[in-house]
Amino acid sequence: VQVVSLGALRGLADVKIPTALTFIAYWVLALPLGYYLGFKM
C-alpha cells in the first residue's frame, strides 16, 4: 500500500510532504523502536 501510494502521489507531482512523512515514520519512529526492542529488550 505504501509503495503504490508513493507512486500515485508522484503521478500528482506530490513528493515533498510524502518525503518528510517517510523520514518521520522510519527514522523518528521505526529505527529507534527497532533498536529498543532489539537491544534493550
Full PDB file with SEQRES, HELIX, SHEET, SSBOND, CRYST1, ORIGX, SCALE, CONECT and MASTER records, all heavy atoms in Angstrom:
SEQRES   1 A   41  VAL GLN VAL VAL SER LEU GLY ALA LEU ARG GLY LEU ALA          
SEQRES   2 A   41  ASP VAL LYS ILE PRO THR ALA LEU THR PHE ILE ALA TYR          
SEQRES   3 A   41  TRP VAL LEU ALA LEU PRO LEU GLY TYR TYR LEU GLY PHE          
SEQRES   4 A   41  LYS MET                                                      
HELIX    1 AA1 GLN A    2  GLY A   11  1                                  10    
HELIX    2 AA2 LYS A   16  PHE A   23  1                                   8    
HELIX    3 AA3 ILE A   24  ALA A   30  3                                   7    
HELIX    4 AA4 LEU A   31  TYR A   35  1                                   5    
HELIX    5 AA5 TYR A   36  LYS A   40  3                                   5    
CRYST1    1.000    1.000    1.000  90.00  90.00  90.00 P 1           1          
ORIGX1      1.000000  0.000000  0.000000        0.00000                         
ORIGX2      0.000000  1.000000  0.000000        0.00000                         
ORIGX3      0.000000  0.000000  1.000000        0.00000                         
SCALE1      1.000000  0.000000  0.000000        0.00000                         
SCALE2      0.000000  1.000000  0.000000        0.00000                         
SCALE3      0.000000  0.000000  1.000000        0.00000                         
ATOM      1  N   VAL A   1       0.837  -1.207   0.000  1.00  0.00           N  
ATOM      2  CA  VAL A   1       0.000   0.000   0.000  1.00  0.00           C  
ATOM      3  C   VAL A   1       0.868   1.251   0.000  1.00  0.00           C  
ATOM      4  O   VAL A   1       0.583   2.224  -0.713  1.00  0.00           O  
ATOM      5  CB  VAL A   1      -0.959  -0.007   1.208  1.00  0.00           C  
ATOM      6  CG1 VAL A   1      -1.647   1.348   1.368  1.00  0.00           C  
ATOM      7  CG2 VAL A   1      -2.007  -1.098   1.043  1.00  0.00           C  
ATOM      8  N   GLN A   2       1.949   1.248   0.775  1.00  0.00           N  
ATOM      9  CA  GLN A   2       2.768   2.466   0.838  1.00  0.00           C  
ATOM     10  C   GLN A   2       3.504   2.706  -0.474  1.00  0.00           C  
ATOM     11  O   GLN A   2       3.630   3.852  -0.912  1.00  0.00           O  
ATOM     12  CB  GLN A   2       3.731   2.412   2.027  1.00  0.00           C  
ATOM     13  CG  GLN A   2       4.841   1.369   1.967  1.00  0.00           C  
ATOM     14  CD  GLN A   2       6.114   1.871   1.330  1.00  0.00           C  
ATOM     15  OE1 GLN A   2       6.316   3.071   1.224  1.00  0.00           O  
ATOM     16  NE2 GLN A   2       6.966   0.951   0.890  1.00  0.00           N  
ATOM     17  N   VAL A   3       3.970   1.652  -1.146  1.00  0.00           N  
ATOM     18  CA  VAL A   3       4.716   1.887  -2.386  1.00  0.00           C  
ATOM     19  C   VAL A   3       3.778   2.322  -3.513  1.00  0.00           C  
ATOM     20  O   VAL A   3       4.129   3.176  -4.326  1.00  0.00           O  
ATOM     21  CB  VAL A   3       5.543   0.644  -2.787  1.00  0.00           C  
ATOM     22  CG1 VAL A   3       4.689  -0.491  -3.309  1.00  0.00           C  
ATOM     23  CG2 VAL A   3       6.598   1.029  -3.817  1.00  0.00           C  
ATOM     24  N   VAL A   4       2.549   1.788  -3.546  1.00  0.00           N  
ATOM     25  CA  VAL A   4       1.570   2.240  -4.547  1.00  0.00           C  
ATOM     26  C   VAL A   4       1.149   3.676  -4.259  1.00  0.00           C  
ATOM     27  O   VAL A   4       0.981   4.488  -5.182  1.00  0.00           O  
ATOM     28  CB  VAL A   4       0.353   1.294  -4.582  1.00  0.00           C  
ATOM     29  CG1 VAL A   4      -0.824   1.939  -5.316  1.00  0.00           C  
ATOM     30  CG2 VAL A   4       0.729  -0.016  -5.272  1.00  0.00           C  
ATOM     31  N   SER A   5       0.983   4.012  -2.985  1.00  0.00           N  
ATOM     32  CA  SER A   5       0.614   5.384  -2.622  1.00  0.00           C  
ATOM     33  C   SER A   5       1.674   6.374  -3.082  1.00  0.00           C  
ATOM     34  O   SER A   5       1.356   7.436  -3.636  1.00  0.00           O  
ATOM     35  CB  SER A   5       0.420   5.505  -1.105  1.00  0.00           C  
ATOM     36  OG  SER A   5      -0.677   4.730  -0.670  1.00  0.00           O  
ATOM     37  N   LEU A   6       2.934   6.037  -2.858  1.00  0.00           N  
ATOM     38  CA  LEU A   6       4.007   6.936  -3.294  1.00  0.00           C  
ATOM     39  C   LEU A   6       4.013   7.089  -4.807  1.00  0.00           C  
ATOM     40  O   LEU A   6       4.245   8.178  -5.333  1.00  0.00           O  
ATOM     41  CB  LEU A   6       5.361   6.415  -2.799  1.00  0.00           C  
ATOM     42  CG  LEU A   6       5.608   6.540  -1.288  1.00  0.00           C  
ATOM     43  CD1 LEU A   6       6.887   5.807  -0.884  1.00  0.00           C  
ATOM     44  CD2 LEU A   6       5.679   8.002  -0.858  1.00  0.00           C  
ATOM     45  N   GLY A   7       3.745   5.999  -5.533  1.00  0.00           N  
ATOM     46  CA  GLY A   7       3.666   6.078  -6.986  1.00  0.00           C  
ATOM     47  C   GLY A   7       2.507   6.939  -7.448  1.00  0.00           C  
ATOM     48  O   GLY A   7       2.651   7.764  -8.362  1.00  0.00           O  
ATOM     49  N   ALA A   8       1.353   6.763  -6.827  1.00  0.00           N  
ATOM     50  CA  ALA A   8       0.180   7.557  -7.196  1.00  0.00           C  
ATOM     51  C   ALA A   8       0.405   9.038  -6.885  1.00  0.00           C  
ATOM     52  O   ALA A   8       0.028   9.918  -7.672  1.00  0.00           O  
ATOM     53  CB  ALA A   8      -1.054   7.041  -6.449  1.00  0.00           C  
ATOM     54  N   LEU A   9       1.052   9.321  -5.756  1.00  0.00           N  
ATOM     55  CA  LEU A   9       1.341  10.710  -5.396  1.00  0.00           C  
ATOM     56  C   LEU A   9       2.355  11.332  -6.352  1.00  0.00           C  
ATOM     57  O   LEU A   9       2.260  12.520  -6.672  1.00  0.00           O  
ATOM     58  CB  LEU A   9       1.834  10.790  -3.955  1.00  0.00           C  
ATOM     59  CG  LEU A   9       0.770  10.527  -2.879  1.00  0.00           C  
ATOM     60  CD1 LEU A   9       1.406  10.345  -1.512  1.00  0.00           C  
ATOM     61  CD2 LEU A   9      -0.265  11.654  -2.846  1.00  0.00           C  
ATOM     62  N   ARG A  10       3.327  10.529  -6.826  1.00  0.00           N  
ATOM     63  CA  ARG A  10       4.249  11.045  -7.839  1.00  0.00           C  
ATOM     64  C   ARG A  10       3.496  11.422  -9.113  1.00  0.00           C  
ATOM     65  O   ARG A  10       3.853  12.385  -9.788  1.00  0.00           O  
ATOM     66  CB  ARG A  10       5.331  10.004  -8.155  1.00  0.00           C  
ATOM     67  CG  ARG A  10       6.502  10.017  -7.209  1.00  0.00           C  
ATOM     68  CD  ARG A  10       7.684   9.247  -7.747  1.00  0.00           C  
ATOM     69  NE  ARG A  10       7.395   7.831  -7.899  1.00  0.00           N  
ATOM     70  CZ  ARG A  10       7.576   6.930  -6.954  1.00  0.00           C  
ATOM     71  NH1 ARG A  10       8.047   7.287  -5.774  1.00  0.00           N  
ATOM     72  NH2 ARG A  10       7.297   5.664  -7.171  1.00  0.00           N  
ATOM     73  N   GLY A  11       2.469  10.646  -9.453  1.00  0.00           N  
ATOM     74  CA  GLY A  11       1.654  10.978 -10.610  1.00  0.00           C  
ATOM     75  C   GLY A  11       0.975  12.325 -10.474  1.00  0.00           C  
ATOM     76  O   GLY A  11       0.700  13.002 -11.470  1.00  0.00           O  
ATOM     77  N   LEU A  12       0.713  12.727  -9.235  1.00  0.00           N  
ATOM     78  CA  LEU A  12       0.129  14.048  -8.957  1.00  0.00           C  
ATOM     79  C   LEU A  12       1.211  15.119  -8.790  1.00  0.00           C  
ATOM     80  O   LEU A  12       0.890  16.273  -8.507  1.00  0.00           O  
ATOM     81  CB  LEU A  12      -0.699  13.994  -7.669  1.00  0.00           C  
ATOM     82  CG  LEU A  12      -1.947  13.107  -7.668  1.00  0.00           C  
ATOM     83  CD1 LEU A  12      -2.565  13.089  -6.273  1.00  0.00           C  
ATOM     84  CD2 LEU A  12      -2.965  13.582  -8.698  1.00  0.00           C  
ATOM     85  N   ALA A  13       2.482  14.723  -8.940  1.00  0.00           N  
ATOM     86  CA  ALA A  13       3.633  15.610  -8.700  1.00  0.00           C  
ATOM     87  C   ALA A  13       3.679  16.061  -7.242  1.00  0.00           C  
ATOM     88  O   ALA A  13       4.146  17.155  -6.928  1.00  0.00           O  
ATOM     89  CB  ALA A  13       3.615  16.811  -9.641  1.00  0.00           C  
ATOM     90  N   ASP A  14       3.215  15.201  -6.340  1.00  0.00           N  
ATOM     91  CA  ASP A  14       3.235  15.492  -4.909  1.00  0.00           C  
ATOM     92  C   ASP A  14       4.343  14.646  -4.283  1.00  0.00           C  
ATOM     93  O   ASP A  14       4.185  13.438  -4.101  1.00  0.00           O  
ATOM     94  CB  ASP A  14       1.882  15.149  -4.282  1.00  0.00           C  
ATOM     95  CG  ASP A  14       1.862  15.409  -2.783  1.00  0.00           C  
ATOM     96  OD1 ASP A  14       2.097  16.562  -2.378  1.00  0.00           O  
ATOM     97  OD2 ASP A  14       1.612  14.460  -2.019  1.00  0.00           O  
ATOM     98  N   VAL A  15       5.473  15.260  -3.956  1.00  0.00           N  
ATOM     99  CA  VAL A  15       6.620  14.487  -3.489  1.00  0.00           C  
ATOM    100  C   VAL A  15       7.248  15.019  -2.200  1.00  0.00           C  
ATOM    101  O   VAL A  15       7.836  14.244  -1.443  1.00  0.00           O  
ATOM    102  CB  VAL A  15       7.711  14.421  -4.590  1.00  0.00           C  
ATOM    103  CG1 VAL A  15       7.279  13.517  -5.730  1.00  0.00           C  
ATOM    104  CG2 VAL A  15       8.066  15.806  -5.111  1.00  0.00           C  
ATOM    105  N   LYS A  16       7.139  16.308  -1.925  1.00  0.00           N  
ATOM    106  CA  LYS A  16       7.894  16.879  -0.810  1.00  0.00           C  
ATOM    107  C   LYS A  16       7.340  16.470   0.553  1.00  0.00           C  
ATOM    108  O   LYS A  16       8.083  16.011   1.428  1.00  0.00           O  
ATOM    109  CB  LYS A  16       7.941  18.402  -0.940  1.00  0.00           C  
ATOM    110  CG  LYS A  16       8.749  18.862  -2.148  1.00  0.00           C  
ATOM    111  CD  LYS A  16       8.768  20.380  -2.269  1.00  0.00           C  
ATOM    112  CE  LYS A  16       9.551  20.806  -3.518  1.00  0.00           C  
ATOM    113  NZ  LYS A  16       9.534  22.278  -3.716  1.00  0.00           N  
ATOM    114  N   ILE A  17       6.036  16.618   0.750  1.00  0.00           N  
ATOM    115  CA  ILE A  17       5.446  16.218   2.027  1.00  0.00           C  
ATOM    116  C   ILE A  17       5.543  14.707   2.236  1.00  0.00           C  
ATOM    117  O   ILE A  17       5.894  14.256   3.340  1.00  0.00           O  
ATOM    118  CB  ILE A  17       3.995  16.738   2.141  1.00  0.00           C  
ATOM    119  CG1 ILE A  17       4.019  18.258   2.331  1.00  0.00           C  
ATOM    120  CG2 ILE A  17       3.263  16.048   3.292  1.00  0.00           C  
ATOM    121  CD1 ILE A  17       2.650  18.902   2.416  1.00  0.00           C  
ATOM    122  N   PRO A  18       5.267  13.877   1.209  1.00  0.00           N  
ATOM    123  CA  PRO A  18       5.492  12.434   1.389  1.00  0.00           C  
ATOM    124  C   PRO A  18       6.925  12.098   1.801  1.00  0.00           C  
ATOM    125  O   PRO A  18       7.147  11.174   2.584  1.00  0.00           O  
ATOM    126  CB  PRO A  18       5.147  11.849   0.021  1.00  0.00           C  
ATOM    127  CG  PRO A  18       4.120  12.779  -0.526  1.00  0.00           C  
ATOM    128  CD  PRO A  18       4.563  14.140  -0.061  1.00  0.00           C  
ATOM    129  N   THR A  19       7.886  12.850   1.293  1.00  0.00           N  
ATOM    130  CA  THR A  19       9.283  12.618   1.676  1.00  0.00           C  
ATOM    131  C   THR A  19       9.490  12.897   3.162  1.00  0.00           C  
ATOM    132  O   THR A  19      10.126  12.109   3.874  1.00  0.00           O  
ATOM    133  CB  THR A  19      10.222  13.513   0.848  1.00  0.00           C  
ATOM    134  OG1 THR A  19      10.068  13.190  -0.539  1.00  0.00           O  
ATOM    135  CG2 THR A  19      11.671  13.306   1.254  1.00  0.00           C  
ATOM    136  N   ALA A  20       8.942  13.998   3.644  1.00  0.00           N  
ATOM    137  CA  ALA A  20       9.064  14.338   5.067  1.00  0.00           C  
ATOM    138  C   ALA A  20       8.367  13.297   5.943  1.00  0.00           C  
ATOM    139  O   ALA A  20       8.892  12.884   6.984  1.00  0.00           O  
ATOM    140  CB  ALA A  20       8.480  15.726   5.323  1.00  0.00           C  
ATOM    141  N   LEU A  21       7.190  12.841   5.516  1.00  0.00           N  
ATOM    142  CA  LEU A  21       6.455  11.840   6.285  1.00  0.00           C  
ATOM    143  C   LEU A  21       7.205  10.509   6.319  1.00  0.00           C  
ATOM    144  O   LEU A  21       7.204   9.809   7.337  1.00  0.00           O  
ATOM    145  CB  LEU A  21       5.062  11.639   5.677  1.00  0.00           C  
ATOM    146  CG  LEU A  21       4.118  12.847   5.788  1.00  0.00           C  
ATOM    147  CD1 LEU A  21       2.840  12.598   4.998  1.00  0.00           C  
ATOM    148  CD2 LEU A  21       3.792  13.152   7.247  1.00  0.00           C  
ATOM    149  N   THR A  22       7.857  10.165   5.206  1.00  0.00           N  
ATOM    150  CA  THR A  22       8.646   8.931   5.162  1.00  0.00           C  
ATOM    151  C   THR A  22       9.805   9.001   6.148  1.00  0.00           C  
ATOM    152  O   THR A  22      10.087   8.035   6.873  1.00  0.00           O  
ATOM    153  CB  THR A  22       9.190   8.704   3.731  1.00  0.00           C  
ATOM    154  OG1 THR A  22       8.099   8.604   2.819  1.00  0.00           O  
ATOM    155  CG2 THR A  22      10.010   7.430   3.655  1.00  0.00           C  
ATOM    156  N   PHE A  23      10.465  10.158   6.212  1.00  0.00           N  
ATOM    157  CA  PHE A  23      11.572  10.325   7.154  1.00  0.00           C  
ATOM    158  C   PHE A  23      11.101  10.135   8.596  1.00  0.00           C  
ATOM    159  O   PHE A  23      11.730   9.419   9.388  1.00  0.00           O  
ATOM    160  CB  PHE A  23      12.191  11.712   6.983  1.00  0.00           C  
ATOM    161  CG  PHE A  23      13.224  12.038   8.026  1.00  0.00           C  
ATOM    162  CD1 PHE A  23      14.511  11.525   7.919  1.00  0.00           C  
ATOM    163  CD2 PHE A  23      12.906  12.833   9.122  1.00  0.00           C  
ATOM    164  CE1 PHE A  23      15.470  11.806   8.886  1.00  0.00           C  
ATOM    165  CE2 PHE A  23      13.851  13.110  10.095  1.00  0.00           C  
ATOM    166  CZ  PHE A  23      15.137  12.599   9.978  1.00  0.00           C  
ATOM    167  N   ILE A  24       9.992  10.757   8.925  1.00  0.00           N  
ATOM    168  CA  ILE A  24       9.482  10.673  10.304  1.00  0.00           C  
ATOM    169  C   ILE A  24       9.134   9.232  10.664  1.00  0.00           C  
ATOM    170  O   ILE A  24       9.494   8.725  11.737  1.00  0.00           O  
ATOM    171  CB  ILE A  24       8.257  11.591  10.480  1.00  0.00           C  
ATOM    172  CG1 ILE A  24       8.686  13.064  10.365  1.00  0.00           C  
ATOM    173  CG2 ILE A  24       7.588  11.340  11.825  1.00  0.00           C  
ATOM    174  CD1 ILE A  24       7.524  14.035  10.279  1.00  0.00           C  
ATOM    175  N   ALA A  25       8.432   8.536   9.760  1.00  0.00           N  
ATOM    176  CA  ALA A  25       7.970   7.182  10.061  1.00  0.00           C  
ATOM    177  C   ALA A  25       9.127   6.225  10.293  1.00  0.00           C  
ATOM    178  O   ALA A  25       9.092   5.400  11.226  1.00  0.00           O  
ATOM    179  CB  ALA A  25       7.087   6.675   8.919  1.00  0.00           C  
ATOM    180  N   TYR A  26      10.170   6.331   9.466  1.00  0.00           N  
ATOM    181  CA  TYR A  26      11.264   5.375   9.576  1.00  0.00           C  
ATOM    182  C   TYR A  26      12.332   5.783  10.591  1.00  0.00           C  
ATOM    183  O   TYR A  26      12.748   4.984  11.428  1.00  0.00           O  
ATOM    184  CB  TYR A  26      11.919   5.172   8.205  1.00  0.00           C  
ATOM    185  CG  TYR A  26      11.063   4.383   7.253  1.00  0.00           C  
ATOM    186  CD1 TYR A  26      10.574   4.962   6.087  1.00  0.00           C  
ATOM    187  CD2 TYR A  26      10.718   3.066   7.522  1.00  0.00           C  
ATOM    188  CE1 TYR A  26       9.781   4.238   5.213  1.00  0.00           C  
ATOM    189  CE2 TYR A  26       9.925   2.339   6.651  1.00  0.00           C  
ATOM    190  CZ  TYR A  26       9.460   2.926   5.494  1.00  0.00           C  
ATOM    191  OH  TYR A  26       8.668   2.217   4.635  1.00  0.00           O  
ATOM    192  N   TRP A  27      12.773   7.049  10.500  1.00  0.00           N  
ATOM    193  CA  TRP A  27      13.942   7.453  11.277  1.00  0.00           C  
ATOM    194  C   TRP A  27      13.600   8.010  12.653  1.00  0.00           C  
ATOM    195  O   TRP A  27      14.440   7.973  13.561  1.00  0.00           O  
ATOM    196  CB  TRP A  27      14.760   8.462  10.484  1.00  0.00           C  
ATOM    197  CG  TRP A  27      15.433   7.795   9.327  1.00  0.00           C  
ATOM    198  CD1 TRP A  27      14.932   7.615   8.065  1.00  0.00           C  
ATOM    199  CD2 TRP A  27      16.709   7.154   9.334  1.00  0.00           C  
ATOM    200  NE1 TRP A  27      15.811   6.918   7.296  1.00  0.00           N  
ATOM    201  CE2 TRP A  27      16.922   6.620   8.032  1.00  0.00           C  
ATOM    202  CE3 TRP A  27      17.697   6.986  10.304  1.00  0.00           C  
ATOM    203  CZ2 TRP A  27      18.077   5.924   7.693  1.00  0.00           C  
ATOM    204  CZ3 TRP A  27      18.864   6.301   9.955  1.00  0.00           C  
ATOM    205  CH2 TRP A  27      19.034   5.779   8.669  1.00  0.00           C  
ATOM    206  N   VAL A  28      12.394   8.516  12.820  1.00  0.00           N  
ATOM    207  CA  VAL A  28      11.995   9.026  14.135  1.00  0.00           C  
ATOM    208  C   VAL A  28      11.269   7.948  14.937  1.00  0.00           C  
ATOM    209  O   VAL A  28      11.404   7.878  16.164  1.00  0.00           O  
ATOM    210  CB  VAL A  28      11.097  10.279  13.980  1.00  0.00           C  
ATOM    211  CG1 VAL A  28      10.621  10.774  15.339  1.00  0.00           C  
ATOM    212  CG2 VAL A  28      11.860  11.383  13.260  1.00  0.00           C  
ATOM    213  N   LEU A  29      10.545   7.067  14.239  1.00  0.00           N  
ATOM    214  CA  LEU A  29       9.754   6.048  14.939  1.00  0.00           C  
ATOM    215  C   LEU A  29      10.323   4.634  14.790  1.00  0.00           C  
ATOM    216  O   LEU A  29      10.636   3.981  15.778  1.00  0.00           O  
ATOM    217  CB  LEU A  29       8.307   6.088  14.429  1.00  0.00           C  
ATOM    218  CG  LEU A  29       7.544   7.398  14.668  1.00  0.00           C  
ATOM    219  CD1 LEU A  29       6.178   7.347  14.011  1.00  0.00           C  
ATOM    220  CD2 LEU A  29       7.409   7.679  16.161  1.00  0.00           C  
ATOM    221  N   ALA A  30      10.449   4.146  13.541  1.00  0.00           N  
ATOM    222  CA  ALA A  30      10.750   2.733  13.327  1.00  0.00           C  
ATOM    223  C   ALA A  30      12.127   2.315  13.841  1.00  0.00           C  
ATOM    224  O   ALA A  30      12.256   1.325  14.573  1.00  0.00           O  
ATOM    225  CB  ALA A  30      10.616   2.394  11.838  1.00  0.00           C  
ATOM    226  N   LEU A  31      13.172   3.053  13.452  1.00  0.00           N  
ATOM    227  CA  LEU A  31      14.528   2.637  13.832  1.00  0.00           C  
ATOM    228  C   LEU A  31      14.801   2.750  15.337  1.00  0.00           C  
ATOM    229  O   LEU A  31      15.352   1.809  15.931  1.00  0.00           O  
ATOM    230  CB  LEU A  31      15.560   3.423  13.034  1.00  0.00           C  
ATOM    231  CG  LEU A  31      15.736   2.959  11.580  1.00  0.00           C  
ATOM    232  CD1 LEU A  31      16.728   3.860  10.859  1.00  0.00           C  
ATOM    233  CD2 LEU A  31      16.203   1.515  11.517  1.00  0.00           C  
ATOM    234  N   PRO A  32      14.424   3.874  15.983  1.00  0.00           N  
ATOM    235  CA  PRO A  32      14.622   3.908  17.438  1.00  0.00           C  
ATOM    236  C   PRO A  32      13.859   2.788  18.155  1.00  0.00           C  
ATOM    237  O   PRO A  32      14.386   2.181  19.096  1.00  0.00           O  
ATOM    238  CB  PRO A  32      14.085   5.291  17.838  1.00  0.00           C  
ATOM    239  CG  PRO A  32      14.267   6.122  16.609  1.00  0.00           C  
ATOM    240  CD  PRO A  32      13.979   5.191  15.468  1.00  0.00           C  
ATOM    241  N   LEU A  33      12.629   2.507  17.678  1.00  0.00           N  
ATOM    242  CA  LEU A  33      11.863   1.425  18.295  1.00  0.00           C  
ATOM    243  C   LEU A  33      12.535   0.076  18.035  1.00  0.00           C  
ATOM    244  O   LEU A  33      12.611  -0.779  18.929  1.00  0.00           O  
ATOM    245  CB  LEU A  33      10.446   1.420  17.738  1.00  0.00           C  
ATOM    246  CG  LEU A  33       9.490   0.357  18.318  1.00  0.00           C  
ATOM    247  CD1 LEU A  33       9.368   0.524  19.830  1.00  0.00           C  
ATOM    248  CD2 LEU A  33       8.117   0.460  17.661  1.00  0.00           C  
ATOM    249  N   GLY A  34      13.036  -0.116  16.805  1.00  0.00           N  
ATOM    250  CA  GLY A  34      13.730  -1.354  16.489  1.00  0.00           C  
ATOM    251  C   GLY A  34      14.973  -1.543  17.348  1.00  0.00           C  
ATOM    252  O   GLY A  34      15.270  -2.656  17.808  1.00  0.00           O  
ATOM    253  N   TYR A  35      15.715  -0.456  17.579  1.00  0.00           N  
ATOM    254  CA  TYR A  35      16.895  -0.533  18.441  1.00  0.00           C  
ATOM    255  C   TYR A  35      16.488  -0.899  19.871  1.00  0.00           C  
ATOM    256  O   TYR A  35      17.122  -1.756  20.511  1.00  0.00           O  
ATOM    257  CB  TYR A  35      17.639   0.802  18.438  1.00  0.00           C  
ATOM    258  CG  TYR A  35      18.834   0.816  19.359  1.00  0.00           C  
ATOM    259  CD1 TYR A  35      20.049   0.276  18.946  1.00  0.00           C  
ATOM    260  CD2 TYR A  35      18.738   1.346  20.652  1.00  0.00           C  
ATOM    261  CE1 TYR A  35      21.150   0.266  19.798  1.00  0.00           C  
ATOM    262  CE2 TYR A  35      19.828   1.331  21.507  1.00  0.00           C  
ATOM    263  CZ  TYR A  35      21.032   0.800  21.072  1.00  0.00           C  
ATOM    264  OH  TYR A  35      22.113   0.777  21.928  1.00  0.00           O  
ATOM    265  N   TYR A  36      15.437  -0.257  20.348  1.00  0.00           N  
ATOM    266  CA  TYR A  36      14.974  -0.531  21.721  1.00  0.00           C  
ATOM    267  C   TYR A  36      14.563  -1.999  21.880  1.00  0.00           C  
ATOM    268  O   TYR A  36      14.971  -2.678  22.832  1.00  0.00           O  
ATOM    269  CB  TYR A  36      13.805   0.387  22.063  1.00  0.00           C  
ATOM    270  CG  TYR A  36      13.182   0.095  23.414  1.00  0.00           C  
ATOM    271  CD1 TYR A  36      13.800   0.523  24.591  1.00  0.00           C  
ATOM    272  CD2 TYR A  36      11.984  -0.614  23.513  1.00  0.00           C  
ATOM    273  CE1 TYR A  36      13.246   0.245  25.827  1.00  0.00           C  
ATOM    274  CE2 TYR A  36      11.422  -0.896  24.739  1.00  0.00           C  
ATOM    275  CZ  TYR A  36      12.051  -0.463  25.903  1.00  0.00           C  
ATOM    276  OH  TYR A  36      11.495  -0.748  27.124  1.00  0.00           O  
ATOM    277  N   LEU A  37      13.767  -2.484  20.915  1.00  0.00           N  
ATOM    278  CA  LEU A  37      13.298  -3.868  21.013  1.00  0.00           C  
ATOM    279  C   LEU A  37      14.451  -4.854  20.801  1.00  0.00           C  
ATOM    280  O   LEU A  37      14.526  -5.880  21.486  1.00  0.00           O  
ATOM    281  CB  LEU A  37      12.206  -4.121  19.963  1.00  0.00           C  
ATOM    282  CG  LEU A  37      10.888  -3.362  20.152  1.00  0.00           C  
ATOM    283  CD1 LEU A  37       9.963  -3.604  18.968  1.00  0.00           C  
ATOM    284  CD2 LEU A  37      10.203  -3.782  21.451  1.00  0.00           C  
ATOM    285  N   GLY A  38      15.331  -4.531  19.844  1.00  0.00           N  
ATOM    286  CA  GLY A  38      16.387  -5.472  19.513  1.00  0.00           C  
ATOM    287  C   GLY A  38      17.464  -5.590  20.566  1.00  0.00           C  
ATOM    288  O   GLY A  38      17.951  -6.695  20.846  1.00  0.00           O  
ATOM    289  N   PHE A  39      17.823  -4.450  21.210  1.00  0.00           N  
ATOM    290  CA  PHE A  39      18.968  -4.454  22.106  1.00  0.00           C  
ATOM    291  C   PHE A  39      18.596  -4.218  23.568  1.00  0.00           C  
ATOM    292  O   PHE A  39      19.100  -4.909  24.443  1.00  0.00           O  
ATOM    293  CB  PHE A  39      19.994  -3.419  21.639  1.00  0.00           C  
ATOM    294  CG  PHE A  39      20.577  -3.762  20.287  1.00  0.00           C  
ATOM    295  CD1 PHE A  39      20.018  -3.262  19.121  1.00  0.00           C  
ATOM    296  CD2 PHE A  39      21.659  -4.611  20.190  1.00  0.00           C  
ATOM    297  CE1 PHE A  39      20.543  -3.584  17.880  1.00  0.00           C  
ATOM    298  CE2 PHE A  39      22.202  -4.942  18.955  1.00  0.00           C  
ATOM    299  CZ  PHE A  39      21.630  -4.433  17.791  1.00  0.00           C  
ATOM    300  N   LYS A  40      17.726  -3.276  23.828  1.00  0.00           N  
ATOM    301  CA  LYS A  40      17.324  -3.041  25.221  1.00  0.00           C  
ATOM    302  C   LYS A  40      16.420  -4.152  25.738  1.00  0.00           C  
ATOM    303  O   LYS A  40      16.534  -4.578  26.884  1.00  0.00           O  
ATOM    304  CB  LYS A  40      16.614  -1.681  25.339  1.00  0.00           C  
ATOM    305  CG  LYS A  40      17.480  -0.492  24.931  1.00  0.00           C  
ATOM    306  CD  LYS A  40      18.729  -0.375  25.793  1.00  0.00           C  
ATOM    307  CE  LYS A  40      19.553   0.852  25.400  1.00  0.00           C  
ATOM    308  NZ  LYS A  40      20.786   0.956  26.211  1.00  0.00           N  
ATOM    309  N   MET A  41      15.495  -4.604  24.872  1.00  0.00           N  
ATOM    310  CA  MET A  41      14.601  -5.709  25.249  1.00  0.00           C  
ATOM    311  C   MET A  41      15.196  -7.067  24.868  1.00  0.00           C  
ATOM    312  O   MET A  41      14.559  -8.100  25.074  1.00  0.00           O  
ATOM    313  CB  MET A  41      13.239  -5.535  24.564  1.00  0.00           C  
ATOM    314  CG  MET A  41      12.509  -4.260  24.960  1.00  0.00           C  
ATOM    315  SD  MET A  41      12.123  -4.190  26.727  1.00  0.00           S  
ATOM    316  CE  MET A  41      10.917  -5.511  26.867  1.00  0.00           C  
TER     317      MET A  41                                                      
MASTER        0    0    0    5    0    0    0    6  316    1    0    4          
END                                                                             
